[in-house]
């Protein structure tokens, strides 16, 4: 199954159903924006 074939919604539904491997796919897609978000939360 390739990454492009799955929407964010379907990935989250799979995670909700217990397929935690899909969480790593989401992380790979959004790691840069997530890092920026958390950096913004922690800088003073």
N, C-alpha and C. Protein backbone atom coordinates (compact mmCIF):
# COMPACT_ATOMS: atom_id res chain seq x y z
N UNK A 1 0.86 -1.18 0.00
CA UNK A 1 0.00 0.00 0.00
C UNK A 1 0.90 1.23 0.00
N UNK A 2 0.69 2.12 -0.96
CA UNK A 2 1.55 3.30 -1.00
C UNK A 2 0.92 4.46 -0.26
N UNK A 3 1.76 5.39 0.11
CA UNK A 3 1.35 6.52 0.93
C UNK A 3 0.35 7.41 0.22
N UNK A 4 0.52 7.60 -1.08
CA UNK A 4 -0.36 8.48 -1.82
C UNK A 4 -1.79 7.95 -1.90
N UNK A 5 -1.95 6.65 -1.76
CA UNK A 5 -3.27 6.04 -1.88
C UNK A 5 -4.15 6.28 -0.65
N UNK A 6 -3.55 6.71 0.45
CA UNK A 6 -4.30 6.88 1.68
C UNK A 6 -4.45 8.36 2.02
N UNK A 7 -5.66 8.77 2.31
CA UNK A 7 -5.88 10.14 2.75
C UNK A 7 -5.56 10.25 4.24
N UNK A 8 -5.37 11.47 4.70
CA UNK A 8 -5.12 11.68 6.13
C UNK A 8 -6.27 11.12 6.96
N UNK A 9 -7.49 11.34 6.48
CA UNK A 9 -8.67 10.83 7.20
C UNK A 9 -8.64 9.32 7.32
N UNK A 10 -8.37 8.65 6.22
CA UNK A 10 -8.37 7.18 6.27
C UNK A 10 -7.22 6.66 7.14
N UNK A 11 -6.09 7.37 7.13
CA UNK A 11 -4.98 6.97 8.01
C UNK A 11 -5.38 7.11 9.47
N UNK A 12 -6.04 8.21 9.82
CA UNK A 12 -6.46 8.40 11.21
C UNK A 12 -7.51 7.38 11.62
N UNK A 13 -8.39 7.02 10.71
CA UNK A 13 -9.38 5.98 11.02
C UNK A 13 -8.70 4.64 11.28
N UNK A 14 -7.67 4.34 10.50
CA UNK A 14 -6.92 3.09 10.71
C UNK A 14 -6.24 3.11 12.08
N UNK A 15 -5.66 4.25 12.44
CA UNK A 15 -5.01 4.38 13.76
C UNK A 15 -6.04 4.18 14.86
N UNK A 16 -7.21 4.81 14.69
CA UNK A 16 -8.28 4.69 15.68
C UNK A 16 -8.71 3.23 15.86
N UNK A 17 -8.67 2.47 14.76
CA UNK A 17 -9.04 1.05 14.81
C UNK A 17 -7.93 0.18 15.41
N UNK A 18 -6.78 0.78 15.69
CA UNK A 18 -5.71 0.03 16.33
C UNK A 18 -4.52 -0.26 15.43
N UNK A 19 -4.54 0.18 14.20
CA UNK A 19 -3.43 -0.05 13.27
C UNK A 19 -2.38 1.05 13.48
N UNK A 20 -1.56 0.88 14.53
CA UNK A 20 -0.62 1.92 14.93
C UNK A 20 0.51 2.11 13.93
N UNK A 21 0.71 1.18 13.02
CA UNK A 21 1.72 1.36 11.98
C UNK A 21 1.40 2.56 11.10
N UNK A 22 0.12 2.87 10.96
CA UNK A 22 -0.28 4.00 10.13
C UNK A 22 0.12 5.33 10.77
N UNK A 23 0.30 5.32 12.10
CA UNK A 23 0.74 6.54 12.77
C UNK A 23 2.12 6.96 12.28
N UNK A 24 2.97 5.99 12.00
CA UNK A 24 4.30 6.34 11.50
C UNK A 24 4.22 6.98 10.11
N UNK A 25 3.25 6.58 9.31
CA UNK A 25 3.06 7.22 8.00
C UNK A 25 2.64 8.67 8.18
N UNK A 26 1.72 8.90 9.09
CA UNK A 26 1.30 10.27 9.36
C UNK A 26 2.45 11.12 9.88
N UNK A 27 3.25 10.52 10.76
CA UNK A 27 4.39 11.26 11.29
C UNK A 27 5.36 11.64 10.18
N UNK A 28 5.62 10.71 9.28
CA UNK A 28 6.53 11.00 8.16
C UNK A 28 5.99 12.15 7.30
N UNK A 29 4.69 12.18 7.10
CA UNK A 29 4.08 13.24 6.30
C UNK A 29 4.16 14.60 6.99
N UNK A 30 4.01 14.62 8.30
CA UNK A 30 3.84 15.88 9.01
C UNK A 30 4.93 16.20 10.02
N UNK A 31 6.07 15.51 9.96
CA UNK A 31 7.10 15.73 10.98
C UNK A 31 7.66 17.16 10.93
N UNK A 32 7.85 17.71 9.75
CA UNK A 32 8.38 19.08 9.68
C UNK A 32 7.39 20.10 10.25
N UNK A 33 6.12 20.07 9.83
CA UNK A 33 5.17 21.02 10.43
C UNK A 33 4.99 20.80 11.94
N UNK A 34 5.01 19.54 12.37
CA UNK A 34 4.88 19.26 13.81
C UNK A 34 6.06 19.82 14.59
N UNK A 35 7.26 19.63 14.06
CA UNK A 35 8.44 20.18 14.74
C UNK A 35 8.34 21.69 14.84
N UNK A 36 7.90 22.35 13.78
CA UNK A 36 7.73 23.79 13.81
C UNK A 36 6.67 24.22 14.81
N UNK A 37 5.60 23.48 14.87
CA UNK A 37 4.52 23.78 15.82
C UNK A 37 5.02 23.68 17.25
N UNK A 38 5.69 22.56 17.58
CA UNK A 38 6.17 22.37 18.95
C UNK A 38 7.29 23.35 19.29
N UNK A 39 8.10 23.68 18.32
CA UNK A 39 9.14 24.69 18.56
C UNK A 39 8.49 26.03 18.91
N UNK A 40 7.46 26.37 18.15
CA UNK A 40 6.75 27.62 18.43
C UNK A 40 6.10 27.64 19.80
N UNK A 41 5.66 26.49 20.29
CA UNK A 41 5.06 26.43 21.62
C UNK A 41 6.09 26.62 22.72
N UNK A 42 7.33 26.22 22.46
CA UNK A 42 8.32 26.20 23.53
C UNK A 42 9.27 27.40 23.51
N UNK A 43 9.31 28.16 22.43
CA UNK A 43 10.23 29.31 22.44
C UNK A 43 9.62 30.46 23.23
N UNK A 44 10.50 31.26 23.79
CA UNK A 44 10.03 32.35 24.64
C UNK A 44 10.10 33.67 23.95
